[in-house]
Amino acid sequence: MDSLFGIGPMELAFIFLLAFILLGPRDLPRLAYQLGRWIRQAQLLYAEFQREWEAEVREVRQEIERAAADSPEIALPPEAATYQLPPLSGTADANPSPTDHPENR
């Protein structure tokens, strides 16, 4: 037994001994029963959370796969995607002529 909740075997034995001394032999089984119920509830909540999380992840993956099937270019890696700019219709002057601003009139 390595550790339980980060508590080593000696610390765990000390906690049990302290609980036995403080609670006595009559209340200790009731406390252990209640503690067991809490642990079981926590396990059930964790299992439910994990199931819901995995269902959401599975749903998102299916949506991505459907989108990739509908648009094959989405499925391409970024390196494979090429975008061609259309050619320019005219040339640009290096020294454009000044425009006639209304305040210069």
PDB file of N, CA and C in Angstrom:
ATOM      1  N   MET A   1       0.852  -1.171   0.000  1.00  0.00           N
ATOM      2  CA  MET A   1       0.000   0.000   0.000  1.00  0.00           C
ATOM      3  C   MET A   1       0.896   1.231   0.000  1.00  0.00           C
ATOM      4  N   ASP A   2       0.883   1.936  -1.104  1.00  0.00           N
ATOM      5  CA  ASP A   2       1.773   3.083  -1.256  1.00  0.00           C
ATOM      6  C   ASP A   2       1.204   4.309  -0.541  1.00  0.00           C
ATOM      7  N   SER A   3       0.035   4.768  -0.978  1.00  0.00           N
ATOM      8  CA  SER A   3      -0.605   5.903  -0.321  1.00  0.00           C
ATOM      9  C   SER A   3      -2.072   5.942  -0.721  1.00  0.00           C
ATOM     10  N   LEU A   4      -2.872   6.549   0.109  1.00  0.00           N
ATOM     11  CA  LEU A   4      -4.296   6.711  -0.140  1.00  0.00           C
ATOM     12  C   LEU A   4      -4.608   8.192   0.030  1.00  0.00           C
ATOM     13  N   PHE A   5      -4.972   8.850  -1.059  1.00  0.00           N
ATOM     14  CA  PHE A   5      -5.235  10.291  -1.053  1.00  0.00           C
ATOM     15  C   PHE A   5      -4.019  11.079  -0.581  1.00  0.00           C
ATOM     16  N   GLY A   6      -2.829  10.588  -0.899  1.00  0.00           N
ATOM     17  CA  GLY A   6      -1.606  11.262  -0.491  1.00  0.00           C
ATOM     18  C   GLY A   6      -1.253  11.027   0.967  1.00  0.00           C
ATOM     19  N   ILE A   7      -1.928  10.086   1.608  1.00  0.00           N
ATOM     20  CA  ILE A   7      -1.663   9.773   3.016  1.00  0.00           C
ATOM     21  C   ILE A   7      -0.982   8.415   3.068  1.00  0.00           C
ATOM     22  N   GLY A   8       0.153   8.353   3.726  1.00  0.00           N
ATOM     23  CA  GLY A   8       0.906   7.109   3.837  1.00  0.00           C
ATOM     24  C   GLY A   8       0.276   6.156   4.844  1.00  0.00           C
ATOM     25  N   PRO A   9       0.791   4.931   4.935  1.00  0.00           N
ATOM     26  CA  PRO A   9       0.209   3.934   5.845  1.00  0.00           C
ATOM     27  C   PRO A   9       0.309   4.326   7.322  1.00  0.00           C
ATOM     28  N   MET A  10       1.395   4.959   7.727  1.00  0.00           N
ATOM     29  CA  MET A  10       1.525   5.355   9.137  1.00  0.00           C
ATOM     30  C   MET A  10       0.531   6.463   9.495  1.00  0.00           C
ATOM     31  N   GLU A  11       0.361   7.431   8.601  1.00  0.00           N
ATOM     32  CA  GLU A  11      -0.601   8.503   8.856  1.00  0.00           C
ATOM     33  C   GLU A  11      -2.021   7.951   8.900  1.00  0.00           C
ATOM     34  N   LEU A  12      -2.322   7.004   8.006  1.00  0.00           N
ATOM     35  CA  LEU A  12      -3.648   6.397   7.976  1.00  0.00           C
ATOM     36  C   LEU A  12      -3.928   5.626   9.269  1.00  0.00           C
ATOM     37  N   ALA A  13      -2.943   4.880   9.757  1.00  0.00           N
ATOM     38  CA  ALA A  13      -3.099   4.148  11.019  1.00  0.00           C
ATOM     39  C   ALA A  13      -3.315   5.124  12.174  1.00  0.00           C
ATOM     40  N   PHE A  14      -2.607   6.236  12.169  1.00  0.00           N
ATOM     41  CA  PHE A  14      -2.780   7.248  13.218  1.00  0.00           C
ATOM     42  C   PHE A  14      -4.189   7.835  13.183  1.00  0.00           C
ATOM     43  N   ILE A  15      -4.703   8.105  11.994  1.00  0.00           N
ATOM     44  CA  ILE A  15      -6.055   8.662  11.868  1.00  0.00           C
ATOM     45  C   ILE A  15      -7.090   7.665  12.383  1.00  0.00           C
ATOM     46  N   PHE A  16      -6.930   6.380  12.020  1.00  0.00           N
ATOM     47  CA  PHE A  16      -7.859   5.359  12.518  1.00  0.00           C
ATOM     48  C   PHE A  16      -7.798   5.240  14.038  1.00  0.00           C
ATOM     49  N   LEU A  17      -6.604   5.268  14.594  1.00  0.00           N
ATOM     50  CA  LEU A  17      -6.448   5.179  16.045  1.00  0.00           C
ATOM     51  C   LEU A  17      -7.081   6.389  16.728  1.00  0.00           C
ATOM     52  N   LEU A  18      -6.866   7.564  16.181  1.00  0.00           N
ATOM     53  CA  LEU A  18      -7.449   8.780  16.737  1.00  0.00           C
ATOM     54  C   LEU A  18      -8.973   8.737  16.658  1.00  0.00           C
ATOM     55  N   ALA A  19      -9.509   8.276  15.533  1.00  0.00           N
ATOM     56  CA  ALA A  19     -10.965   8.165  15.393  1.00  0.00           C
ATOM     57  C   ALA A  19     -11.521   7.158  16.390  1.00  0.00           C
ATOM     58  N   PHE A  20     -10.820   6.055  16.605  1.00  0.00           N
ATOM     59  CA  PHE A  20     -11.275   5.040  17.559  1.00  0.00           C
ATOM     60  C   PHE A  20     -11.298   5.598  18.978  1.00  0.00           C
ATOM     61  N   ILE A  21     -10.281   6.372  19.314  1.00  0.00           N
ATOM     62  CA  ILE A  21     -10.216   6.955  20.660  1.00  0.00           C
ATOM     63  C   ILE A  21     -11.300   8.014  20.843  1.00  0.00           C
ATOM     64  N   LEU A  22     -11.481   8.882  19.855  1.00  0.00           N
ATOM     65  CA  LEU A  22     -12.446   9.976  19.985  1.00  0.00           C
ATOM     66  C   LEU A  22     -13.892   9.497  19.888  1.00  0.00           C
ATOM     67  N   LEU A  23     -14.173   8.577  18.970  1.00  0.00           N
ATOM     68  CA  LEU A  23     -15.554   8.157  18.740  1.00  0.00           C
ATOM     69  C   LEU A  23     -15.957   6.937  19.551  1.00  0.00           C
ATOM     70  N   GLY A  24     -15.009   6.099  19.832  1.00  0.00           N
ATOM     71  CA  GLY A  24     -15.318   4.882  20.571  1.00  0.00           C
ATOM     72  C   GLY A  24     -15.787   3.777  19.642  1.00  0.00           C
ATOM     73  N   PRO A  25     -15.856   2.571  20.170  1.00  0.00           N
ATOM     74  CA  PRO A  25     -16.213   1.427  19.331  1.00  0.00           C
ATOM     75  C   PRO A  25     -17.678   1.426  18.898  1.00  0.00           C
ATOM     76  N   ARG A  26     -18.519   2.199  19.563  1.00  0.00           N
ATOM     77  CA  ARG A  26     -19.937   2.196  19.218  1.00  0.00           C
ATOM     78  C   ARG A  26     -20.227   3.076  17.996  1.00  0.00           C
ATOM     79  N   ASP A  27     -19.626   4.257  17.897  1.00  0.00           N
ATOM     80  CA  ASP A  27     -19.907   5.198  16.808  1.00  0.00           C
ATOM     81  C   ASP A  27     -19.000   5.010  15.598  1.00  0.00           C
ATOM     82  N   LEU A  28     -17.904   4.316  15.754  1.00  0.00           N
ATOM     83  CA  LEU A  28     -16.957   4.161  14.647  1.00  0.00           C
ATOM     84  C   LEU A  28     -17.555   3.403  13.457  1.00  0.00           C
ATOM     85  N   PRO A  29     -18.302   2.308  13.641  1.00  0.00           N
ATOM     86  CA  PRO A  29     -18.904   1.639  12.478  1.00  0.00           C
ATOM     87  C   PRO A  29     -19.910   2.522  11.741  1.00  0.00           C
ATOM     88  N   ARG A  30     -20.668   3.319  12.490  1.00  0.00           N
ATOM     89  CA  ARG A  30     -21.629   4.214  11.845  1.00  0.00           C
ATOM     90  C   ARG A  30     -20.898   5.265  11.006  1.00  0.00           C
ATOM     91  N   LEU A  31     -19.802   5.787  11.531  1.00  0.00           N
ATOM     92  CA  LEU A  31     -19.005   6.758  10.783  1.00  0.00           C
ATOM     93  C   LEU A  31     -18.398   6.114   9.537  1.00  0.00           C
ATOM     94  N   ALA A  32     -17.905   4.887   9.680  1.00  0.00           N
ATOM     95  CA  ALA A  32     -17.319   4.191   8.532  1.00  0.00           C
ATOM     96  C   ALA A  32     -18.376   3.938   7.462  1.00  0.00           C
ATOM     97  N   TYR A  33     -19.585   3.585   7.877  1.00  0.00           N
ATOM     98  CA  TYR A  33     -20.679   3.360   6.932  1.00  0.00           C
ATOM     99  C   TYR A  33     -21.007   4.647   6.184  1.00  0.00           C
ATOM    100  N   GLN A  34     -21.126   5.748   6.915  1.00  0.00           N
ATOM    101  CA  GLN A  34     -21.437   7.036   6.280  1.00  0.00           C
ATOM    102  C   GLN A  34     -20.308   7.468   5.346  1.00  0.00           C
ATOM    103  N   LEU A  35     -19.081   7.277   5.777  1.00  0.00           N
ATOM    104  CA  LEU A  35     -17.939   7.623   4.932  1.00  0.00           C
ATOM    105  C   LEU A  35     -17.936   6.786   3.654  1.00  0.00           C
ATOM    106  N   GLY A  36     -18.271   5.511   3.776  1.00  0.00           N
ATOM    107  CA  GLY A  36     -18.367   4.641   2.603  1.00  0.00           C
ATOM    108  C   GLY A  36     -19.443   5.096   1.641  1.00  0.00           C
ATOM    109  N   ARG A  37     -20.568   5.555   2.171  1.00  0.00           N
ATOM    110  CA  ARG A  37     -21.644   6.067   1.307  1.00  0.00           C
ATOM    111  C   ARG A  37     -21.199   7.322   0.569  1.00  0.00           C
ATOM    112  N   TRP A  38     -20.495   8.219   1.260  1.00  0.00           N
ATOM    113  CA  TRP A  38     -20.004   9.443   0.613  1.00  0.00           C
ATOM    114  C   TRP A  38     -19.009   9.114  -0.491  1.00  0.00           C
ATOM    115  N   ILE A  39     -18.127   8.174  -0.217  1.00  0.00           N
ATOM    116  CA  ILE A  39     -17.138   7.790  -1.230  1.00  0.00           C
ATOM    117  C   ILE A  39     -17.842   7.186  -2.437  1.00  0.00           C
ATOM    118  N   ARG A  40     -18.856   6.353  -2.204  1.00  0.00           N
ATOM    119  CA  ARG A  40     -19.601   5.745  -3.312  1.00  0.00           C
ATOM    120  C   ARG A  40     -20.316   6.815  -4.132  1.00  0.00           C
ATOM    121  N   GLN A  41     -20.921   7.799  -3.479  1.00  0.00           N
ATOM    122  CA  GLN A  41     -21.581   8.887  -4.201  1.00  0.00           C
ATOM    123  C   GLN A  41     -20.577   9.668  -5.043  1.00  0.00           C
ATOM    124  N   ALA A  42     -19.404   9.914  -4.489  1.00  0.00           N
ATOM    125  CA  ALA A  42     -18.370  10.633  -5.239  1.00  0.00           C
ATOM    126  C   ALA A  42     -17.936   9.822  -6.455  1.00  0.00           C
ATOM    127  N   GLN A  43     -17.813   8.505  -6.306  1.00  0.00           N
ATOM    128  CA  GLN A  43     -17.435   7.658  -7.433  1.00  0.00           C
ATOM    129  C   GLN A  43     -18.506   7.684  -8.519  1.00  0.00           C
ATOM    130  N   LEU A  44     -19.774   7.631  -8.118  1.00  0.00           N
ATOM    131  CA  LEU A  44     -20.863   7.672  -9.094  1.00  0.00           C
ATOM    132  C   LEU A  44     -20.904   9.009  -9.825  1.00  0.00           C
ATOM    133  N   LEU A  45     -20.704  10.101  -9.093  1.00  0.00           N
ATOM    134  CA  LEU A  45     -20.679  11.416  -9.733  1.00  0.00           C
ATOM    135  C   LEU A  45     -19.524  11.527 -10.721  1.00  0.00           C
ATOM    136  N   TYR A  46     -18.369  11.008 -10.338  1.00  0.00           N
ATOM    137  CA  TYR A  46     -17.212  11.049 -11.228  1.00  0.00           C
ATOM    138  C   TYR A  46     -17.472  10.216 -12.479  1.00  0.00           C
ATOM    139  N   ALA A  47     -18.061   9.028 -12.317  1.00  0.00           N
ATOM    140  CA  ALA A  47     -18.345   8.176 -13.474  1.00  0.00           C
ATOM    141  C   ALA A  47     -19.350   8.845 -14.407  1.00  0.00           C
ATOM    142  N   GLU A  48     -20.369   9.500 -13.843  1.00  0.00           N
ATOM    143  CA  GLU A  48     -21.352  10.198 -14.669  1.00  0.00           C
ATOM    144  C   GLU A  48     -20.703  11.363 -15.414  1.00  0.00           C
ATOM    145  N   PHE A  49     -19.879  12.126 -14.727  1.00  0.00           N
ATOM    146  CA  PHE A  49     -19.170  13.232 -15.371  1.00  0.00           C
ATOM    147  C   PHE A  49     -18.295  12.725 -16.509  1.00  0.00           C
ATOM    148  N   GLN A  50     -17.590  11.633 -16.269  1.00  0.00           N
ATOM    149  CA  GLN A  50     -16.701  11.083 -17.288  1.00  0.00           C
ATOM    150  C   GLN A  50     -17.497  10.608 -18.505  1.00  0.00           C
ATOM    151  N   ARG A  51     -18.646   9.957 -18.278  1.00  0.00           N
ATOM    152  CA  ARG A  51     -19.489   9.513 -19.395  1.00  0.00           C
ATOM    153  C   ARG A  51     -19.971  10.698 -20.214  1.00  0.00           C
ATOM    154  N   GLU A  52     -20.448  11.742 -19.547  1.00  0.00           N
ATOM    155  CA  GLU A  52     -20.937  12.925 -20.261  1.00  0.00           C
ATOM    156  C   GLU A  52     -19.812  13.611 -21.021  1.00  0.00           C
ATOM    157  N   TRP A  53     -18.649  13.706 -20.422  1.00  0.00           N
ATOM    158  CA  TRP A  53     -17.499  14.331 -21.078  1.00  0.00           C
ATOM    159  C   TRP A  53     -17.131  13.561 -22.342  1.00  0.00           C
ATOM    160  N   GLU A  54     -17.048  12.238 -22.241  1.00  0.00           N
ATOM    161  CA  GLU A  54     -16.690  11.419 -23.396  1.00  0.00           C
ATOM    162  C   GLU A  54     -17.752  11.507 -24.485  1.00  0.00           C
ATOM    163  N   ALA A  55     -19.028  11.601 -24.105  1.00  0.00           N
ATOM    164  CA  ALA A  55     -20.096  11.749 -25.095  1.00  0.00           C
ATOM    165  C   ALA A  55     -19.963  13.078 -25.829  1.00  0.00           C
ATOM    166  N   GLU A  56     -19.648  14.149 -25.107  1.00  0.00           N
ATOM    167  CA  GLU A  56     -19.466  15.456 -25.749  1.00  0.00           C
ATOM    168  C   GLU A  56     -18.275  15.443 -26.705  1.00  0.00           C
ATOM    169  N   VAL A  57     -17.178  14.846 -26.270  1.00  0.00           N
ATOM    170  CA  VAL A  57     -15.988  14.778 -27.126  1.00  0.00           C
ATOM    171  C   VAL A  57     -16.298  13.970 -28.380  1.00  0.00           C
ATOM    172  N   ARG A  58     -17.015  12.858 -28.208  1.00  0.00           N
ATOM    173  CA  ARG A  58     -17.378  12.017 -29.351  1.00  0.00           C
ATOM    174  C   ARG A  58     -18.265  12.794 -30.322  1.00  0.00           C
ATOM    175  N   GLU A  59     -19.210  13.584 -29.791  1.00  0.00           N
ATOM    176  CA  GLU A  59     -20.101  14.374 -30.636  1.00  0.00           C
ATOM    177  C   GLU A  59     -19.329  15.435 -31.421  1.00  0.00           C
ATOM    178  N   VAL A  60     -18.394  16.103 -30.772  1.00  0.00           N
ATOM    179  CA  VAL A  60     -17.591  17.123 -31.459  1.00  0.00           C
ATOM    180  C   VAL A  60     -16.746  16.481 -32.554  1.00  0.00           C
ATOM    181  N   ARG A  61     -16.155  15.325 -32.263  1.00  0.00           N
ATOM    182  CA  ARG A  61     -15.359  14.637 -33.285  1.00  0.00           C
ATOM    183  C   ARG A  61     -16.214  14.253 -34.483  1.00  0.00           C
ATOM    184  N   GLN A  62     -17.441  13.791 -34.236  1.00  0.00           N
ATOM    185  CA  GLN A  62     -18.327  13.431 -35.340  1.00  0.00           C
ATOM    186  C   GLN A  62     -18.681  14.651 -36.173  1.00  0.00           C
ATOM    187  N   GLU A  63     -18.918  15.790 -35.523  1.00  0.00           N
ATOM    188  CA  GLU A  63     -19.207  17.017 -36.266  1.00  0.00           C
ATOM    189  C   GLU A  63     -18.024  17.422 -37.130  1.00  0.00           C
ATOM    190  N   ILE A  64     -16.829  17.296 -36.596  1.00  0.00           N
ATOM    191  CA  ILE A  64     -15.631  17.639 -37.369  1.00  0.00           C
ATOM    192  C   ILE A  64     -15.487  16.697 -38.551  1.00  0.00           C
ATOM    193  N   GLU A  65     -15.717  15.405 -38.329  1.00  0.00           N
ATOM    194  CA  GLU A  65     -15.610  14.442 -39.425  1.00  0.00           C
ATOM    195  C   GLU A  65     -16.662  14.705 -40.496  1.00  0.00           C
ATOM    196  N   ARG A  66     -17.898  15.064 -40.092  1.00  0.00           N
ATOM    197  CA  ARG A  66     -18.934  15.383 -41.076  1.00  0.00           C
ATOM    198  C   ARG A  66     -18.560  16.631 -41.872  1.00  0.00           C
ATOM    199  N   ALA A  67     -18.042  17.640 -41.188  1.00  0.00           N
ATOM    200  CA  ALA A  67     -17.638  18.862 -41.888  1.00  0.00           C
ATOM    201  C   ALA A  67     -16.495  18.576 -42.850  1.00  0.00           C
ATOM    202  N   ALA A  68     -15.572  17.721 -42.449  1.00  0.00           N
ATOM    203  CA  ALA A  68     -14.454  17.371 -43.328  1.00  0.00           C
ATOM    204  C   ALA A  68     -14.941  16.576 -44.522  1.00  0.00           C
ATOM    205  N   ALA A  69     -15.953  15.741 -44.336  1.00  0.00           N
ATOM    206  CA  ALA A  69     -16.488  14.967 -45.456  1.00  0.00           C
ATOM    207  C   ALA A  69     -17.261  15.866 -46.414  1.00  0.00           C
ATOM    208  N   ASP A  70     -17.957  16.873 -45.890  1.00  0.00           N
ATOM    209  CA  ASP A  70     -18.721  17.786 -46.739  1.00  0.00           C
ATOM    210  C   ASP A  70     -17.817  18.735 -47.517  1.00  0.00           C
ATOM    211  N   SER A  71     -16.738  19.164 -46.932  1.00  0.00           N
ATOM    212  CA  SER A  71     -15.805  20.089 -47.576  1.00  0.00           C
ATOM    213  C   SER A  71     -14.409  19.499 -47.493  1.00  0.00           C
ATOM    214  N   PRO A  72     -13.972  18.802 -48.526  1.00  0.00           N
ATOM    215  CA  PRO A  72     -12.662  18.145 -48.469  1.00  0.00           C
ATOM    216  C   PRO A  72     -11.505  19.116 -48.250  1.00  0.00           C
ATOM    217  N   GLU A  73     -11.648  20.368 -48.678  1.00  0.00           N
ATOM    218  CA  GLU A  73     -10.536  21.303 -48.490  1.00  0.00           C
ATOM    219  C   GLU A  73     -10.330  21.642 -47.023  1.00  0.00           C
ATOM    220  N   ILE A  74     -11.359  21.461 -46.201  1.00  0.00           N
ATOM    221  CA  ILE A  74     -11.200  21.691 -44.769  1.00  0.00           C
ATOM    222  C   ILE A  74     -10.289  20.637 -44.170  1.00  0.00           C
ATOM    223  N   ALA A  75     -10.351  19.432 -44.713  1.00  0.00           N
ATOM    224  CA  ALA A  75      -9.574  18.324 -44.162  1.00  0.00           C
ATOM    225  C   ALA A  75      -8.099  18.413 -44.523  1.00  0.00           C
ATOM    226  N   LEU A  76      -7.743  19.271 -45.468  1.00  0.00           N
ATOM    227  CA  LEU A  76      -6.342  19.381 -45.864  1.00  0.00           C
ATOM    228  C   LEU A  76      -5.522  20.019 -44.755  1.00  0.00           C
ATOM    229  N   PRO A  77      -4.282  19.586 -44.597  1.00  0.00           N
ATOM    230  CA  PRO A  77      -3.418  20.265 -43.628  1.00  0.00           C
ATOM    231  C   PRO A  77      -3.100  21.672 -44.121  1.00  0.00           C
ATOM    232  N   PRO A  78      -2.742  22.580 -43.247  1.00  0.00           N
ATOM    233  CA  PRO A  78      -2.488  23.963 -43.659  1.00  0.00           C
ATOM    234  C   PRO A  78      -1.411  24.087 -44.732  1.00  0.00           C
ATOM    235  N   GLU A  79      -0.423  23.190 -44.724  1.00  0.00           N
ATOM    236  CA  GLU A  79       0.641  23.280 -45.727  1.00  0.00           C
ATOM    237  C   GLU A  79       0.113  22.965 -47.127  1.00  0.00           C
ATOM    238  N   ALA A  80      -0.901  22.108 -47.217  1.00  0.00           N
ATOM    239  CA  ALA A  80      -1.413  21.695 -48.519  1.00  0.00           C
ATOM    240  C   ALA A  80      -2.389  22.715 -49.094  1.00  0.00           C
ATOM    241  N   ALA A  81      -2.957  23.528 -48.255  1.00  0.00           N
ATOM    242  CA  ALA A  81      -3.921  24.510 -48.726  1.00  0.00           C
ATOM    243  C   ALA A  81      -3.183  25.653 -49.416  1.00  0.00           C
ATOM    244  N   THR A  82      -3.571  25.931 -50.626  1.00  0.00           N
ATOM    245  CA  THR A  82      -2.973  27.051 -51.363  1.00  0.00           C
ATOM    246  C   THR A  82      -4.090  27.987 -51.776  1.00  0.00           C
ATOM    247  N   TYR A  83      -3.804  29.221 -51.684  1.00  0.00           N
ATOM    248  CA  TYR A  83      -4.771  30.225 -52.077  1.00  0.00           C
ATOM    249  C   TYR A  83      -4.086  31.121 -53.094  1.00  0.00           C
ATOM    250  N   GLN A  84      -4.664  31.213 -54.251  1.00  0.00           N
ATOM    251  CA  GLN A  84      -4.102  32.026 -55.317  1.00  0.00           C
ATOM    252  C   GLN A  84      -4.810  33.378 -55.333  1.00  0.00           C
ATOM    253  N   LEU A  85      -4.022  34.430 -55.255  1.00  0.00           N
ATOM    254  CA  LEU A  85      -4.581  35.770 -55.378  1.00  0.00           C
ATOM    255  C   LEU A  85      -4.844  36.054 -56.845  1.00  0.00           C
ATOM    256  N   PRO A  86      -5.925  36.723 -57.153  1.00  0.00           N
ATOM    257  CA  PRO A  86      -6.174  37.071 -58.556  1.00  0.00           C
ATOM    258  C   PRO A  86      -5.152  38.114 -59.017  1.00  0.00           C
ATOM    259  N   PRO A  87      -4.810  38.105 -60.296  1.00  0.00           N
ATOM    260  CA  PRO A  87      -3.833  39.092 -60.783  1.00  0.00           C
ATOM    261  C   PRO A  87      -4.402  40.508 -60.683  1.00  0.00           C
ATOM    262  N   LEU A  88      -3.505  41.460 -60.489  1.00  0.00           N
ATOM    263  CA  LEU A  88      -3.913  42.856 -60.393  1.00  0.00           C
ATOM    264  C   LEU A  88      -4.345  43.356 -61.755  1.00  0.00           C
ATOM    265  N   SER A  89      -5.329  44.220 -61.783  1.00  0.00           N
ATOM    266  CA  SER A  89      -5.853  44.709 -63.053  1.00  0.00           C
ATOM    267  C   SER A  89      -4.966  45.791 -63.661  1.00  0.00           C
ATOM    268  N   GLY A  90      -4.255  46.517 -62.865  1.00  0.00           N
ATOM    269  CA  GLY A  90      -3.404  47.577 -63.389  1.00  0.00           C
ATOM    270  C   GLY A  90      -2.126  47.652 -62.585  1.00  0.00           C
ATOM    271  N   THR A  91      -1.303  48.627 -62.909  1.00  0.00           N
ATOM    272  CA  THR A  91      -0.071  48.793 -62.160  1.00  0.00           C
ATOM    273  C   THR A  91      -0.203  50.006 -61.260  1.00  0.00           C
ATOM    274  N   ALA A  92       0.526  49.995 -60.208  1.00  0.00           N
ATOM    275  CA  ALA A  92       0.507  51.115 -59.277  1.00  0.00           C
ATOM    276  C   ALA A  92       1.741  51.966 -59.526  1.00  0.00           C
ATOM    277  N   ASP A  93       1.566  53.279 -59.474  1.00  0.00           N
ATOM    278  CA  ASP A  93       2.694  54.191 -59.645  1.00  0.00           C
ATOM    279  C   ASP A  93       3.467  54.285 -58.339  1.00  0.00           C
ATOM    280  N   ALA A  94       4.778  54.411 -58.489  1.00  0.00           N
ATOM    281  CA  ALA A  94       5.601  54.584 -57.304  1.00  0.00           C
ATOM    282  C   ALA A  94       5.403  55.975 -56.723  1.00  0.00           C
ATOM    283  N   ASN A  95       5.205  56.968 -57.577  1.00  0.00           N
ATOM    284  CA  ASN A  95       4.984  58.343 -57.136  1.00  0.00           C
ATOM    285  C   ASN A  95       3.613  58.792 -57.629  1.00  0.00           C
ATOM    286  N   PRO A  96       2.588  58.573 -56.875  1.00  0.00           N
ATOM    287  CA  PRO A  96       1.264  58.971 -57.351  1.00  0.00           C
ATOM    288  C   PRO A  96       1.143  60.490 -57.378  1.00  0.00           C
ATOM    289  N   SER A  97       0.307  60.965 -58.274  1.00  0.00           N
ATOM    290  CA  SER A  97       0.105  62.410 -58.368  1.00  0.00           C
ATOM    291  C   SER A  97      -0.758  62.863 -57.204  1.00  0.00           C
ATOM    292  N   PRO A  98      -0.494  64.068 -56.711  1.00  0.00           N
ATOM    293  CA  PRO A  98      -1.298  64.547 -55.588  1.00  0.00           C
ATOM    294  C   PRO A  98      -2.743  64.728 -56.020  1.00  0.00           C
ATOM    295  N   THR A  99      -3.608  64.392 -55.162  1.00  0.00           N
ATOM    296  CA  THR A  99      -5.031  64.544 -55.471  1.00  0.00           C
ATOM    297  C   THR A  99      -5.472  65.943 -55.091  1.00  0.00           C
ATOM    298  N   ASP A 100      -6.513  66.366 -55.718  1.00  0.00           N
ATOM    299  CA  ASP A 100      -7.034  67.697 -55.464  1.00  0.00           C
ATOM    300  C   ASP A 100      -7.998  67.620 -54.284  1.00  0.00           C
ATOM    301  N   HIS A 101      -7.507  68.064 -53.136  1.00  0.00           N
ATOM    302  CA  HIS A 101      -8.340  68.046 -51.946  1.00  0.00           C
ATOM    303  C   HIS A 101      -9.246  69.260 -51.950  1.00  0.00           C
ATOM    304  N   PRO A 102     -10.428  69.160 -51.363  1.00  0.00           N
ATOM    305  CA  PRO A 102     -11.348  70.306 -51.340  1.00  0.00           C
ATOM    306  C   PRO A 102     -10.768  71.514 -50.616  1.00  0.00           C
ATOM    307  N   GLU A 103      -9.926  71.294 -49.612  1.00  0.00           N
ATOM    308  CA  GLU A 103      -9.386  72.454 -48.900  1.00  0.00           C
ATOM    309  C   GLU A 103      -8.313  73.179 -49.715  1.00  0.00           C
ATOM    310  N   ASN A 104      -7.773  72.540 -50.779  1.00  0.00           N
ATOM    311  CA  ASN A 104      -6.772  73.190 -51.629  1.00  0.00           C
ATOM    312  C   ASN A 104      -7.421  74.040 -52.714  1.00  0.00           C
ATOM    313  N   ARG A 105      -8.673  74.014 -52.898  1.00  0.00           N
ATOM    314  CA  ARG A 105      -9.353  74.745 -53.974  1.00  0.00           C
ATOM    315  C   ARG A 105      -9.482  76.190 -53.677  1.00  0.00           C
TER     316      ARG A 105
END
